[in-house]
Amino acid sequence: MTPSLIAKEVKAFVPAKDFELSKRFYEALGFTCVWSGPDLAYFNHGQGSAFLLQNYHVEACTANFMMHLEVENVDAWWLHASEVAKQFGVRAEPPKDQPWGMRDFPLVDPSGVLWRVGQPLTS
């Protein structure tokens, strides 16, 4: 591959109905807000896990928006995320093994964005 054509990172623009509430939610989950302005915030967690939170919300788009976060220990993440979900009054369901080779759980953020947090099943 030509060096000038190497991609370094891809980030999704995650919608937020209440920008400040969403920022607090993601920080409580363990993401770091690297920078923030009035309409956009850059979050990351570890190497290669990043997204842009936007101060923008269209219900129909948010209802169809999904993120996937692969982690090393889904059960530890579940314990933490379920407490954060209670704190913010959002939905989270316990992890289970999926037919697509992941053990994961759904977590819905304060705007209605669905996250699937999981780890690959070992064979």
PDB file of N, CA and C in Angstrom:
ATOM      1  N   MET A   1       0.839  -1.178   0.000  1.00  0.00           N
ATOM      2  CA  MET A   1       0.000   0.000   0.000  1.00  0.00           C
ATOM      3  C   MET A   1       0.881   1.238   0.000  1.00  0.00           C
ATOM      4  N   THR A   2       0.495   2.218  -0.767  1.00  0.00           N
ATOM      5  CA  THR A   2       1.212   3.480  -0.828  1.00  0.00           C
ATOM      6  C   THR A   2       1.110   4.199   0.518  1.00  0.00           C
ATOM      7  N   PRO A   3       2.242   4.662   1.086  1.00  0.00           N
ATOM      8  CA  PRO A   3       2.198   5.312   2.403  1.00  0.00           C
ATOM      9  C   PRO A   3       1.201   6.461   2.496  1.00  0.00           C
ATOM     10  N   SER A   4       0.976   7.181   1.423  1.00  0.00           N
ATOM     11  CA  SER A   4       0.055   8.317   1.491  1.00  0.00           C
ATOM     12  C   SER A   4      -1.409   7.877   1.557  1.00  0.00           C
ATOM     13  N   LEU A   5      -1.692   6.580   1.380  1.00  0.00           N
ATOM     14  CA  LEU A   5      -3.070   6.086   1.401  1.00  0.00           C
ATOM     15  C   LEU A   5      -3.398   5.276   2.653  1.00  0.00           C
ATOM     16  N   ILE A   6      -2.578   5.389   3.686  1.00  0.00           N
ATOM     17  CA  ILE A   6      -2.815   4.644   4.921  1.00  0.00           C
ATOM     18  C   ILE A   6      -3.770   5.432   5.808  1.00  0.00           C
ATOM     19  N   ALA A   7      -4.883   4.798   6.186  1.00  0.00           N
ATOM     20  CA  ALA A   7      -5.835   5.430   7.098  1.00  0.00           C
ATOM     21  C   ALA A   7      -5.329   5.289   8.533  1.00  0.00           C
ATOM     22  N   LYS A   8      -5.599   6.285   9.364  1.00  0.00           N
ATOM     23  CA  LYS A   8      -5.138   6.257  10.743  1.00  0.00           C
ATOM     24  C   LYS A   8      -6.268   6.009  11.738  1.00  0.00           C
ATOM     25  N   GLU A   9      -7.464   6.479  11.444  1.00  0.00           N
ATOM     26  CA  GLU A   9      -8.558   6.335  12.399  1.00  0.00           C
ATOM     27  C   GLU A   9      -9.870   6.634  11.688  1.00  0.00           C
ATOM     28  N   VAL A  10     -10.936   5.982  12.131  1.00  0.00           N
ATOM     29  CA  VAL A  10     -12.272   6.308  11.650  1.00  0.00           C
ATOM     30  C   VAL A  10     -13.120   6.605  12.890  1.00  0.00           C
ATOM     31  N   LYS A  11     -13.898   7.660  12.839  1.00  0.00           N
ATOM     32  CA  LYS A  11     -14.732   8.059  13.969  1.00  0.00           C
ATOM     33  C   LYS A  11     -16.151   8.318  13.476  1.00  0.00           C
ATOM     34  N   ALA A  12     -17.121   7.859  14.244  1.00  0.00           N
ATOM     35  CA  ALA A  12     -18.522   8.143  13.953  1.00  0.00           C
ATOM     36  C   ALA A  12     -18.925   9.440  14.653  1.00  0.00           C
ATOM     37  N   PHE A  13     -19.907  10.122  14.094  1.00  0.00           N
ATOM     38  CA  PHE A  13     -20.513  11.289  14.715  1.00  0.00           C
ATOM     39  C   PHE A  13     -21.764  10.815  15.446  1.00  0.00           C
ATOM     40  N   VAL A  14     -21.712  10.745  16.761  1.00  0.00           N
ATOM     41  CA  VAL A  14     -22.806  10.247  17.584  1.00  0.00           C
ATOM     42  C   VAL A  14     -23.721  11.423  17.958  1.00  0.00           C
ATOM     43  N   PRO A  15     -25.017  11.309  17.681  1.00  0.00           N
ATOM     44  CA  PRO A  15     -25.929  12.417  17.995  1.00  0.00           C
ATOM     45  C   PRO A  15     -26.230  12.519  19.490  1.00  0.00           C
ATOM     46  N   ALA A  16     -26.492  13.735  19.946  1.00  0.00           N
ATOM     47  CA  ALA A  16     -26.849  13.978  21.348  1.00  0.00           C
ATOM     48  C   ALA A  16     -28.053  14.899  21.424  1.00  0.00           C
ATOM     49  N   LYS A  17     -29.085  14.442  22.121  1.00  0.00           N
ATOM     50  CA  LYS A  17     -30.276  15.265  22.355  1.00  0.00           C
ATOM     51  C   LYS A  17     -29.966  16.347  23.388  1.00  0.00           C
ATOM     52  N   ASP A  18     -29.293  15.952  24.463  1.00  0.00           N
ATOM     53  CA  ASP A  18     -28.838  16.866  25.518  1.00  0.00           C
ATOM     54  C   ASP A  18     -27.319  16.701  25.582  1.00  0.00           C
ATOM     55  N   PHE A  19     -26.617  17.614  24.938  1.00  0.00           N
ATOM     56  CA  PHE A  19     -25.169  17.512  24.751  1.00  0.00           C
ATOM     57  C   PHE A  19     -24.425  17.367  26.078  1.00  0.00           C
ATOM     58  N   GLU A  20     -24.735  18.210  27.068  1.00  0.00           N
ATOM     59  CA  GLU A  20     -24.023  18.164  28.350  1.00  0.00           C
ATOM     60  C   GLU A  20     -24.309  16.870  29.105  1.00  0.00           C
ATOM     61  N   LEU A  21     -25.564  16.408  29.080  1.00  0.00           N
ATOM     62  CA  LEU A  21     -25.910  15.139  29.724  1.00  0.00           C
ATOM     63  C   LEU A  21     -25.169  13.983  29.061  1.00  0.00           C
ATOM     64  N   SER A  22     -25.132  13.974  27.751  1.00  0.00           N
ATOM     65  CA  SER A  22     -24.433  12.911  27.032  1.00  0.00           C
ATOM     66  C   SER A  22     -22.940  12.927  27.333  1.00  0.00           C
ATOM     67  N   LYS A  23     -22.348  14.103  27.422  1.00  0.00           N
ATOM     68  CA  LYS A  23     -20.923  14.174  27.772  1.00  0.00           C
ATOM     69  C   LYS A  23     -20.682  13.559  29.147  1.00  0.00           C
ATOM     70  N   ARG A  24     -21.538  13.873  30.113  1.00  0.00           N
ATOM     71  CA  ARG A  24     -21.384  13.307  31.459  1.00  0.00           C
ATOM     72  C   ARG A  24     -21.562  11.784  31.443  1.00  0.00           C
ATOM     73  N   PHE A  25     -22.508  11.303  30.641  1.00  0.00           N
ATOM     74  CA  PHE A  25     -22.749   9.863  30.521  1.00  0.00           C
ATOM     75  C   PHE A  25     -21.503   9.147  30.011  1.00  0.00           C
ATOM     76  N   TYR A  26     -20.930   9.643  28.930  1.00  0.00           N
ATOM     77  CA  TYR A  26     -19.763   8.969  28.353  1.00  0.00           C
ATOM     78  C   TYR A  26     -18.540   9.065  29.257  1.00  0.00           C
ATOM     79  N   GLU A  27     -18.391  10.163  29.969  1.00  0.00           N
ATOM     80  CA  GLU A  27     -17.296  10.258  30.930  1.00  0.00           C
ATOM     81  C   GLU A  27     -17.506   9.265  32.071  1.00  0.00           C
ATOM     82  N   ALA A  28     -18.756   9.106  32.529  1.00  0.00           N
ATOM     83  CA  ALA A  28     -19.050   8.131  33.590  1.00  0.00           C
ATOM     84  C   ALA A  28     -18.763   6.704  33.132  1.00  0.00           C
ATOM     85  N   LEU A  29     -18.951   6.433  31.838  1.00  0.00           N
ATOM     86  CA  LEU A  29     -18.628   5.111  31.299  1.00  0.00           C
ATOM     87  C   LEU A  29     -17.126   4.856  31.265  1.00  0.00           C
ATOM     88  N   GLY A  30     -16.333   5.931  31.277  1.00  0.00           N
ATOM     89  CA  GLY A  30     -14.882   5.768  31.254  1.00  0.00           C
ATOM     90  C   GLY A  30     -14.211   6.354  30.037  1.00  0.00           C
ATOM     91  N   PHE A  31     -14.991   6.975  29.146  1.00  0.00           N
ATOM     92  CA  PHE A  31     -14.394   7.652  27.996  1.00  0.00           C
ATOM     93  C   PHE A  31     -13.773   8.962  28.461  1.00  0.00           C
ATOM     94  N   THR A  32     -12.740   9.391  27.779  1.00  0.00           N
ATOM     95  CA  THR A  32     -12.082  10.658  28.060  1.00  0.00           C
ATOM     96  C   THR A  32     -12.504  11.674  27.016  1.00  0.00           C
ATOM     97  N   CYS A  33     -12.940  12.832  27.477  1.00  0.00           N
ATOM     98  CA  CYS A  33     -13.247  13.926  26.554  1.00  0.00           C
ATOM     99  C   CYS A  33     -11.936  14.641  26.268  1.00  0.00           C
ATOM    100  N   VAL A  34     -11.402  14.416  25.081  1.00  0.00           N
ATOM    101  CA  VAL A  34     -10.109  14.979  24.696  1.00  0.00           C
ATOM    102  C   VAL A  34     -10.230  16.475  24.451  1.00  0.00           C
ATOM    103  N   TRP A  35     -11.305  16.869  23.781  1.00  0.00           N
ATOM    104  CA  TRP A  35     -11.612  18.292  23.593  1.00  0.00           C
ATOM    105  C   TRP A  35     -13.099  18.441  23.346  1.00  0.00           C
ATOM    106  N   SER A  36     -13.580  19.649  23.633  1.00  0.00           N
ATOM    107  CA  SER A  36     -15.002  19.906  23.459  1.00  0.00           C
ATOM    108  C   SER A  36     -15.221  21.362  23.107  1.00  0.00           C
ATOM    109  N   GLY A  37     -16.138  21.580  22.186  1.00  0.00           N
ATOM    110  CA  GLY A  37     -16.600  22.911  21.829  1.00  0.00           C
ATOM    111  C   GLY A  37     -18.104  22.956  22.031  1.00  0.00           C
ATOM    112  N   PRO A  38     -18.756  24.022  21.577  1.00  0.00           N
ATOM    113  CA  PRO A  38     -20.204  24.135  21.790  1.00  0.00           C
ATOM    114  C   PRO A  38     -21.035  23.112  21.000  1.00  0.00           C
ATOM    115  N   ASP A  39     -20.503  22.575  19.915  1.00  0.00           N
ATOM    116  CA  ASP A  39     -21.286  21.681  19.069  1.00  0.00           C
ATOM    117  C   ASP A  39     -20.663  20.316  18.826  1.00  0.00           C
ATOM    118  N   LEU A  40     -19.460  20.083  19.343  1.00  0.00           N
ATOM    119  CA  LEU A  40     -18.769  18.837  19.059  1.00  0.00           C
ATOM    120  C   LEU A  40     -17.784  18.522  20.184  1.00  0.00           C
ATOM    121  N   ALA A  41     -17.692  17.238  20.539  1.00  0.00           N
ATOM    122  CA  ALA A  41     -16.726  16.790  21.546  1.00  0.00           C
ATOM    123  C   ALA A  41     -16.076  15.508  21.035  1.00  0.00           C
ATOM    124  N   TYR A  42     -14.785  15.391  21.265  1.00  0.00           N
ATOM    125  CA  TYR A  42     -14.011  14.227  20.843  1.00  0.00           C
ATOM    126  C   TYR A  42     -13.743  13.345  22.059  1.00  0.00           C
ATOM    127  N   PHE A  43     -14.220  12.104  22.017  1.00  0.00           N
ATOM    128  CA  PHE A  43     -14.044  11.150  23.104  1.00  0.00           C
ATOM    129  C   PHE A  43     -13.190   9.982  22.644  1.00  0.00           C
ATOM    130  N   ASN A  44     -12.379   9.465  23.574  1.00  0.00           N
ATOM    131  CA  ASN A  44     -11.675   8.222  23.278  1.00  0.00           C
ATOM    132  C   ASN A  44     -11.601   7.365  24.531  1.00  0.00           C
ATOM    133  N   HIS A  45     -11.280   6.104  24.305  1.00  0.00           N
ATOM    134  CA  HIS A  45     -11.107   5.146  25.398  1.00  0.00           C
ATOM    135  C   HIS A  45     -10.086   4.126  24.910  1.00  0.00           C
ATOM    136  N   GLY A  46      -8.906   4.202  25.456  1.00  0.00           N
ATOM    137  CA  GLY A  46      -7.866   3.287  25.017  1.00  0.00           C
ATOM    138  C   GLY A  46      -7.421   3.606  23.603  1.00  0.00           C
ATOM    139  N   GLN A  47      -6.756   2.670  23.004  1.00  0.00           N
ATOM    140  CA  GLN A  47      -6.217   2.863  21.657  1.00  0.00           C
ATOM    141  C   GLN A  47      -7.243   2.402  20.616  1.00  0.00           C
ATOM    142  N   GLY A  48      -7.595   3.275  19.716  1.00  0.00           N
ATOM    143  CA  GLY A  48      -8.466   2.912  18.608  1.00  0.00           C
ATOM    144  C   GLY A  48      -9.953   3.000  18.880  1.00  0.00           C
ATOM    145  N   SER A  49     -10.366   3.419  20.061  1.00  0.00           N
ATOM    146  CA  SER A  49     -11.786   3.561  20.371  1.00  0.00           C
ATOM    147  C   SER A  49     -12.091   5.043  20.568  1.00  0.00           C
ATOM    148  N   ALA A  50     -12.663   5.651  19.541  1.00  0.00           N
ATOM    149  CA  ALA A  50     -12.944   7.085  19.601  1.00  0.00           C
ATOM    150  C   ALA A  50     -14.217   7.395  18.820  1.00  0.00           C
ATOM    151  N   PHE A  51     -14.854   8.496  19.189  1.00  0.00           N
ATOM    152  CA  PHE A  51     -16.011   8.983  18.450  1.00  0.00           C
ATOM    153  C   PHE A  51     -16.157  10.473  18.697  1.00  0.00           C
ATOM    154  N   LEU A  52     -16.953  11.099  17.857  1.00  0.00           N
ATOM    155  CA  LEU A  52     -17.262  12.518  17.993  1.00  0.00           C
ATOM    156  C   LEU A  52     -18.721  12.639  18.429  1.00  0.00           C
ATOM    157  N   LEU A  53     -18.942  13.270  19.564  1.00  0.00           N
ATOM    158  CA  LEU A  53     -20.292  13.518  20.040  1.00  0.00           C
ATOM    159  C   LEU A  53     -20.732  14.859  19.496  1.00  0.00           C
ATOM    160  N   GLN A  54     -21.864  14.867  18.817  1.00  0.00           N
ATOM    161  CA  GLN A  54     -22.325  16.109  18.206  1.00  0.00           C
ATOM    162  C   GLN A  54     -23.555  16.652  18.922  1.00  0.00           C
ATOM    163  N   ASN A  55     -23.601  17.936  19.066  1.00  0.00           N
ATOM    164  CA  ASN A  55     -24.732  18.625  19.670  1.00  0.00           C
ATOM    165  C   ASN A  55     -25.794  18.787  18.592  1.00  0.00           C
ATOM    166  N   TYR A  56     -26.354  17.660  18.191  1.00  0.00           N
ATOM    167  CA  TYR A  56     -27.311  17.611  17.090  1.00  0.00           C
ATOM    168  C   TYR A  56     -28.133  16.352  17.272  1.00  0.00           C
ATOM    169  N   HIS A  57     -29.437  16.455  17.028  1.00  0.00           N
ATOM    170  CA  HIS A  57     -30.297  15.304  17.249  1.00  0.00           C
ATOM    171  C   HIS A  57     -31.498  15.337  16.315  1.00  0.00           C
ATOM    172  N   VAL A  58     -31.678  14.267  15.588  1.00  0.00           N
ATOM    173  CA  VAL A  58     -32.877  14.029  14.786  1.00  0.00           C
ATOM    174  C   VAL A  58     -33.391  12.669  15.234  1.00  0.00           C
ATOM    175  N   GLU A  59     -34.583  12.646  15.821  1.00  0.00           N
ATOM    176  CA  GLU A  59     -35.114  11.422  16.435  1.00  0.00           C
ATOM    177  C   GLU A  59     -35.034  10.215  15.506  1.00  0.00           C
ATOM    178  N   ALA A  60     -35.448  10.363  14.262  1.00  0.00           N
ATOM    179  CA  ALA A  60     -35.460   9.231  13.328  1.00  0.00           C
ATOM    180  C   ALA A  60     -34.048   8.699  13.077  1.00  0.00           C
ATOM    181  N   CYS A  61     -33.080   9.591  13.015  1.00  0.00           N
ATOM    182  CA  CYS A  61     -31.685   9.153  12.809  1.00  0.00           C
ATOM    183  C   CYS A  61     -31.127   8.484  14.059  1.00  0.00           C
ATOM    184  N   THR A  62     -31.377   9.085  15.207  1.00  0.00           N
ATOM    185  CA  THR A  62     -30.868   8.536  16.460  1.00  0.00           C
ATOM    186  C   THR A  62     -31.446   7.148  16.727  1.00  0.00           C
ATOM    187  N   ALA A  63     -32.727   6.971  16.435  1.00  0.00           N
ATOM    188  CA  ALA A  63     -33.385   5.684  16.663  1.00  0.00           C
ATOM    189  C   ALA A  63     -32.789   4.571  15.803  1.00  0.00           C
ATOM    190  N   ASN A  64     -32.091   4.944  14.751  1.00  0.00           N
ATOM    191  CA  ASN A  64     -31.494   3.963  13.843  1.00  0.00           C
ATOM    192  C   ASN A  64     -29.968   3.936  13.940  1.00  0.00           C
ATOM    193  N   PHE A  65     -29.409   4.596  14.939  1.00  0.00           N
ATOM    194  CA  PHE A  65     -27.959   4.716  15.076  1.00  0.00           C
ATOM    195  C   PHE A  65     -27.461   3.672  16.070  1.00  0.00           C
ATOM    196  N   MET A  66     -26.403   2.958  15.714  1.00  0.00           N
ATOM    197  CA  MET A  66     -25.846   1.942  16.593  1.00  0.00           C
ATOM    198  C   MET A  66     -24.319   2.014  16.566  1.00  0.00           C
ATOM    199  N   MET A  67     -23.725   1.816  17.724  1.00  0.00           N
ATOM    200  CA  MET A  67     -22.272   1.749  17.855  1.00  0.00           C
ATOM    201  C   MET A  67     -21.906   0.379  18.433  1.00  0.00           C
ATOM    202  N   HIS A  68     -20.689  -0.082  18.115  1.00  0.00           N
ATOM    203  CA  HIS A  68     -20.186  -1.335  18.660  1.00  0.00           C
ATOM    204  C   HIS A  68     -18.839  -1.055  19.303  1.00  0.00           C
ATOM    205  N   LEU A  69     -18.680  -1.504  20.535  1.00  0.00           N
ATOM    206  CA  LEU A  69     -17.421  -1.340  21.256  1.00  0.00           C
ATOM    207  C   LEU A  69     -16.924  -2.721  21.658  1.00  0.00           C
ATOM    208  N   GLU A  70     -15.780  -3.113  21.110  1.00  0.00           N
ATOM    209  CA  GLU A  70     -15.176  -4.386  21.493  1.00  0.00           C
ATOM    210  C   GLU A  70     -14.261  -4.154  22.682  1.00  0.00           C
ATOM    211  N   VAL A  71     -14.422  -4.969  23.718  1.00  0.00           N
ATOM    212  CA  VAL A  71     -13.662  -4.818  24.953  1.00  0.00           C
ATOM    213  C   VAL A  71     -12.965  -6.138  25.295  1.00  0.00           C
ATOM    214  N   GLU A  72     -12.050  -6.092  26.245  1.00  0.00           N
ATOM    215  CA  GLU A  72     -11.342  -7.301  26.659  1.00  0.00           C
ATOM    216  C   GLU A  72     -12.153  -8.142  27.634  1.00  0.00           C
ATOM    217  N   ASN A  73     -12.961  -7.510  28.492  1.00  0.00           N
ATOM    218  CA  ASN A  73     -13.711  -8.238  29.509  1.00  0.00           C
ATOM    219  C   ASN A  73     -15.137  -7.696  29.558  1.00  0.00           C
ATOM    220  N   VAL A  74     -16.027  -8.317  28.811  1.00  0.00           N
ATOM    221  CA  VAL A  74     -17.396  -7.817  28.690  1.00  0.00           C
ATOM    222  C   VAL A  74     -18.143  -7.893  30.019  1.00  0.00           C
ATOM    223  N   ASP A  75     -17.845  -8.895  30.835  1.00  0.00           N
ATOM    224  CA  ASP A  75     -18.552  -9.009  32.108  1.00  0.00           C
ATOM    225  C   ASP A  75     -18.159  -7.885  33.070  1.00  0.00           C
ATOM    226  N   ALA A  76     -16.900  -7.500  33.080  1.00  0.00           N
ATOM    227  CA  ALA A  76     -16.465  -6.362  33.896  1.00  0.00           C
ATOM    228  C   ALA A  76     -17.097  -5.073  33.376  1.00  0.00           C
ATOM    229  N   TRP A  77     -17.153  -4.926  32.061  1.00  0.00           N
ATOM    230  CA  TRP A  77     -17.800  -3.743  31.477  1.00  0.00           C
ATOM    231  C   TRP A  77     -19.275  -3.710  31.852  1.00  0.00           C
ATOM    232  N   TRP A  78     -19.927  -4.871  31.839  1.00  0.00           N
ATOM    233  CA  TRP A  78     -21.347  -4.933  32.187  1.00  0.00           C
ATOM    234  C   TRP A  78     -21.567  -4.442  33.619  1.00  0.00           C
ATOM    235  N   LEU A  79     -20.737  -4.903  34.556  1.00  0.00           N
ATOM    236  CA  LEU A  79     -20.895  -4.468  35.948  1.00  0.00           C
ATOM    237  C   LEU A  79     -20.819  -2.952  36.060  1.00  0.00           C
ATOM    238  N   HIS A  80     -19.852  -2.370  35.382  1.00  0.00           N
ATOM    239  CA  HIS A  80     -19.695  -0.911  35.426  1.00  0.00           C
ATOM    240  C   HIS A  80     -20.829  -0.209  34.669  1.00  0.00           C
ATOM    241  N   ALA A  81     -21.108  -0.657  33.452  1.00  0.00           N
ATOM    242  CA  ALA A  81     -22.120   0.001  32.609  1.00  0.00           C
ATOM    243  C   ALA A  81     -23.511  -0.090  33.222  1.00  0.00           C
ATOM    244  N   SER A  82     -23.824  -1.182  33.899  1.00  0.00           N
ATOM    245  CA  SER A  82     -25.151  -1.304  34.509  1.00  0.00           C
ATOM    246  C   SER A  82     -25.331  -0.280  35.632  1.00  0.00           C
ATOM    247  N   GLU A  83     -24.263   0.027  36.356  1.00  0.00           N
ATOM    248  CA  GLU A  83     -24.334   1.070  37.388  1.00  0.00           C
ATOM    249  C   GLU A  83     -24.502   2.458  36.757  1.00  0.00           C
ATOM    250  N   VAL A  84     -23.769   2.700  35.685  1.00  0.00           N
ATOM    251  CA  VAL A  84     -23.903   3.980  34.974  1.00  0.00           C
ATOM    252  C   VAL A  84     -25.318   4.107  34.400  1.00  0.00           C
ATOM    253  N   ALA A  85     -25.851   3.019  33.865  1.00  0.00           N
ATOM    254  CA  ALA A  85     -27.209   3.033  33.309  1.00  0.00           C
ATOM    255  C   ALA A  85     -28.229   3.399  34.379  1.00  0.00           C
ATOM    256  N   LYS A  86     -28.088   2.840  35.573  1.00  0.00           N
ATOM    257  CA  LYS A  86     -28.993   3.189  36.682  1.00  0.00           C
ATOM    258  C   LYS A  86     -28.881   4.669  37.018  1.00  0.00           C
ATOM    259  N   GLN A  87     -27.659   5.154  37.086  1.00  0.00           N
ATOM    260  CA  GLN A  87     -27.405   6.555  37.437  1.00  0.00           C
ATOM    261  C   GLN A  87     -28.059   7.505  36.439  1.00  0.00           C
ATOM    262  N   PHE A  88     -28.053   7.147  35.151  1.00  0.00           N
ATOM    263  CA  PHE A  88     -28.571   8.025  34.109  1.00  0.00           C
ATOM    264  C   PHE A  88     -29.980   7.633  33.646  1.00  0.00           C
ATOM    265  N   GLY A  89     -30.548   6.595  34.238  1.00  0.00           N
ATOM    266  CA  GLY A  89     -31.904   6.184  33.891  1.00  0.00           C
ATOM    267  C   GLY A  89     -32.048   5.676  32.465  1.00  0.00           C
ATOM    268  N   VAL A  90     -31.036   4.946  31.990  1.00  0.00           N
ATOM    269  CA  VAL A  90     -31.077   4.391  30.633  1.00  0.00           C
ATOM    270  C   VAL A  90     -31.099   2.867  30.709  1.00  0.00           C
ATOM    271  N   ARG A  91     -31.359   2.248  29.574  1.00  0.00           N
ATOM    272  CA  ARG A  91     -31.510   0.790  29.503  1.00  0.00           C
ATOM    273  C   ARG A  91     -30.181   0.101  29.224  1.00  0.00           C
ATOM    274  N   ALA A  92     -29.953  -0.967  29.956  1.00  0.00           N
ATOM    275  CA  ALA A  92     -28.827  -1.876  29.703  1.00  0.00           C
ATOM    276  C   ALA A  92     -29.316  -3.276  30.057  1.00  0.00           C
ATOM    277  N   GLU A  93     -28.956  -4.249  29.248  1.00  0.00           N
ATOM    278  CA  GLU A  93     -29.355  -5.633  29.489  1.00  0.00           C
ATOM    279  C   GLU A  93     -28.106  -6.475  29.710  1.00  0.00           C
ATOM    280  N   PRO A  94     -28.219  -7.551  30.483  1.00  0.00           N
ATOM    281  CA  PRO A  94     -27.048  -8.386  30.765  1.00  0.00           C
ATOM    282  C   PRO A  94     -26.433  -8.991  29.503  1.00  0.00           C
ATOM    283  N   PRO A  95     -25.143  -9.292  29.550  1.00  0.00           N
ATOM    284  CA  PRO A  95     -24.479  -9.894  28.395  1.00  0.00           C
ATOM    285  C   PRO A  95     -24.963 -11.313  28.130  1.00  0.00           C
ATOM    286  N   LYS A  96     -24.906 -11.695  26.860  1.00  0.00           N
ATOM    287  CA  LYS A  96     -25.185 -13.078  26.487  1.00  0.00           C
ATOM    288  C   LYS A  96     -24.407 -13.407  25.228  1.00  0.00           C
ATOM    289  N   ASP A  97     -24.206 -14.684  25.023  1.00  0.00           N
ATOM    290  CA  ASP A  97     -23.493 -15.157  23.843  1.00  0.00           C
ATOM    291  C   ASP A  97     -24.393 -15.020  22.623  1.00  0.00           C
ATOM    292  N   GLN A  98     -23.836 -14.455  21.556  1.00  0.00           N
ATOM    293  CA  GLN A  98     -24.600 -14.193  20.341  1.00  0.00           C
ATOM    294  C   GLN A  98     -24.178 -15.159  19.237  1.00  0.00           C
ATOM    295  N   PRO A  99     -25.091 -15.466  18.307  1.00  0.00           N
ATOM    296  CA  PRO A  99     -24.751 -16.388  17.215  1.00  0.00           C
ATOM    297  C   PRO A  99     -23.686 -15.842  16.261  1.00  0.00           C
ATOM    298  N   TRP A 100     -23.412 -14.534  16.320  1.00  0.00           N
ATOM    299  CA  TRP A 100     -22.395 -13.947  15.442  1.00  0.00           C
ATOM    300  C   TRP A 100     -21.006 -13.974  16.074  1.00  0.00           C
ATOM    301  N   GLY A 101     -20.837 -14.783  17.148  1.00  0.00           N
ATOM    302  CA  GLY A 101     -19.510 -15.001  17.706  1.00  0.00           C
ATOM    303  C   GLY A 101     -19.054 -13.985  18.734  1.00  0.00           C
ATOM    304  N   MET A 102     -20.001 -13.248  19.316  1.00  0.00           N
ATOM    305  CA  MET A 102     -19.657 -12.268  20.347  1.00  0.00           C
ATOM    306  C   MET A 102     -20.465 -12.551  21.606  1.00  0.00           C
ATOM    307  N   ARG A 103     -19.892 -12.240  22.738  1.00  0.00           N
ATOM    308  CA  ARG A 103     -20.644 -12.142  23.994  1.00  0.00           C
ATOM    309  C   ARG A 103     -20.800 -10.647  24.202  1.00  0.00           C
ATOM    310  N   ASP A 104     -22.042 -10.164  24.188  1.00  0.00           N
ATOM    311  CA  ASP A 104     -22.222  -8.718  24.280  1.00  0.00           C
ATOM    312  C   ASP A 104     -23.480  -8.346  25.042  1.00  0.00           C
ATOM    313  N   PHE A 105     -23.609  -7.047  25.290  1.00  0.00           N
ATOM    314  CA  PHE A 105     -24.819  -6.528  25.914  1.00  0.00           C
ATOM    315  C   PHE A 105     -25.188  -5.197  25.261  1.00  0.00           C
ATOM    316  N   PRO A 106     -26.511  -4.916  25.211  1.00  0.00           N
ATOM    317  CA  PRO A 106     -26.958  -3.633  24.682  1.00  0.00           C
ATOM    318  C   PRO A 106     -27.000  -2.585  25.791  1.00  0.00           C
ATOM    319  N   LEU A 107     -26.628  -1.380  25.425  1.00  0.00           N
ATOM    320  CA  LEU A 107     -26.659  -0.220  26.314  1.00  0.00           C
ATOM    321  C   LEU A 107     -27.187   0.950  25.491  1.00  0.00           C
ATOM    322  N   VAL A 108     -28.198   1.623  25.988  1.00  0.00           N
ATOM    323  CA  VAL A 108     -28.779   2.762  25.277  1.00  0.00           C
ATOM    324  C   VAL A 108     -28.362   4.036  25.998  1.00  0.00           C
ATOM    325  N   ASP A 109     -27.808   4.997  25.257  1.00  0.00           N
ATOM    326  CA  ASP A 109     -27.359   6.248  25.872  1.00  0.00           C
ATOM    327  C   ASP A 109     -28.555   7.178  26.122  1.00  0.00           C
ATOM    328  N   PRO A 110     -28.347   8.315  26.785  1.00  0.00           N
ATOM    329  CA  PRO A 110     -29.461   9.210  27.110  1.00  0.00           C
ATOM    330  C   PRO A 110     -30.222   9.767  25.898  1.00  0.00           C
ATOM    331  N   SER A 111     -29.635   9.724  24.720  1.00  0.00           N
ATOM    332  CA  SER A 111     -30.305  10.212  23.517  1.00  0.00           C
ATOM    333  C   SER A 111     -31.054   9.113  22.774  1.00  0.00           C
ATOM    334  N   GLY A 112     -30.798   7.856  23.137  1.00  0.00           N
ATOM    335  CA  GLY A 112     -31.420   6.731  22.458  1.00  0.00           C
ATOM    336  C   GLY A 112     -30.496   5.991  21.519  1.00  0.00           C
ATOM    337  N   VAL A 113     -29.206   6.348  21.489  1.00  0.00           N
ATOM    338  CA  VAL A 113     -28.233   5.640  20.663  1.00  0.00           C
ATOM    339  C   VAL A 113     -27.966   4.275  21.288  1.00  0.00           C
ATOM    340  N   LEU A 114     -28.057   3.231  20.479  1.00  0.00           N
ATOM    341  CA  LEU A 114     -27.811   1.872  20.948  1.00  0.00           C
ATOM    342  C   LEU A 114     -26.335   1.531  20.797  1.00  0.00           C
ATOM    343  N   TRP A 115     -25.732   1.097  21.870  1.00  0.00           N
ATOM    344  CA  TRP A 115     -24.366   0.577  21.864  1.00  0.00           C
ATOM    345  C   TRP A 115     -24.435  -0.913  22.133  1.00  0.00           C
ATOM    346  N   ARG A 116     -23.628  -1.686  21.441  1.00  0.00           N
ATOM    347  CA  ARG A 116     -23.431  -3.097  21.753  1.00  0.00           C
ATOM    348  C   ARG A 116     -21.985  -3.202  22.217  1.00  0.00           C
ATOM    349  N   VAL A 117     -21.809  -3.628  23.457  1.00  0.00           N
ATOM    350  CA  VAL A 117     -20.493  -3.744  24.068  1.00  0.00           C
ATOM    351  C   VAL A 117     -20.194  -5.230  24.201  1.00  0.00           C
ATOM    352  N   GLY A 118     -19.095  -5.686  23.627  1.00  0.00           N
ATOM    353  CA  GLY A 118     -18.847  -7.110  23.672  1.00  0.00           C
ATOM    354  C   GLY A 118     -17.410  -7.514  23.421  1.00  0.00           C
ATOM    355  N   GLN A 119     -17.217  -8.807  23.538  1.00  0.00           N
ATOM    356  CA  GLN A 119     -15.919  -9.413  23.246  1.00  0.00           C
ATOM    357  C   GLN A 119     -16.152 -10.663  22.424  1.00  0.00           C
ATOM    358  N   PRO A 120     -15.178 -11.031  21.597  1.00  0.00           N
ATOM    359  CA  PRO A 120     -15.329 -12.251  20.792  1.00  0.00           C
ATOM    360  C   PRO A 120     -15.393 -13.484  21.689  1.00  0.00           C
ATOM    361  N   LEU A 121     -16.220 -14.421  21.285  1.00  0.00           N
ATOM    362  CA  LEU A 121     -16.265 -15.719  21.952  1.00  0.00           C
ATOM    363  C   LEU A 121     -15.026 -16.498  21.556  1.00  0.00           C
ATOM    364  N   THR A 122     -14.431 -17.189  22.490  1.00  0.00           N
ATOM    365  CA  THR A 122     -13.284 -18.028  22.167  1.00  0.00           C
ATOM    366  C   THR A 122     -13.795 -19.404  21.768  1.00  0.00           C
ATOM    367  N   SER A 123     -13.099 -20.004  20.840  1.00  0.00           N
ATOM    368  CA  SER A 123     -13.556 -21.319  20.374  1.00  0.00           C
ATOM    369  C   SER A 123     -12.931 -22.445  21.144  1.00  0.00           C
TER     370      SER A 123
END
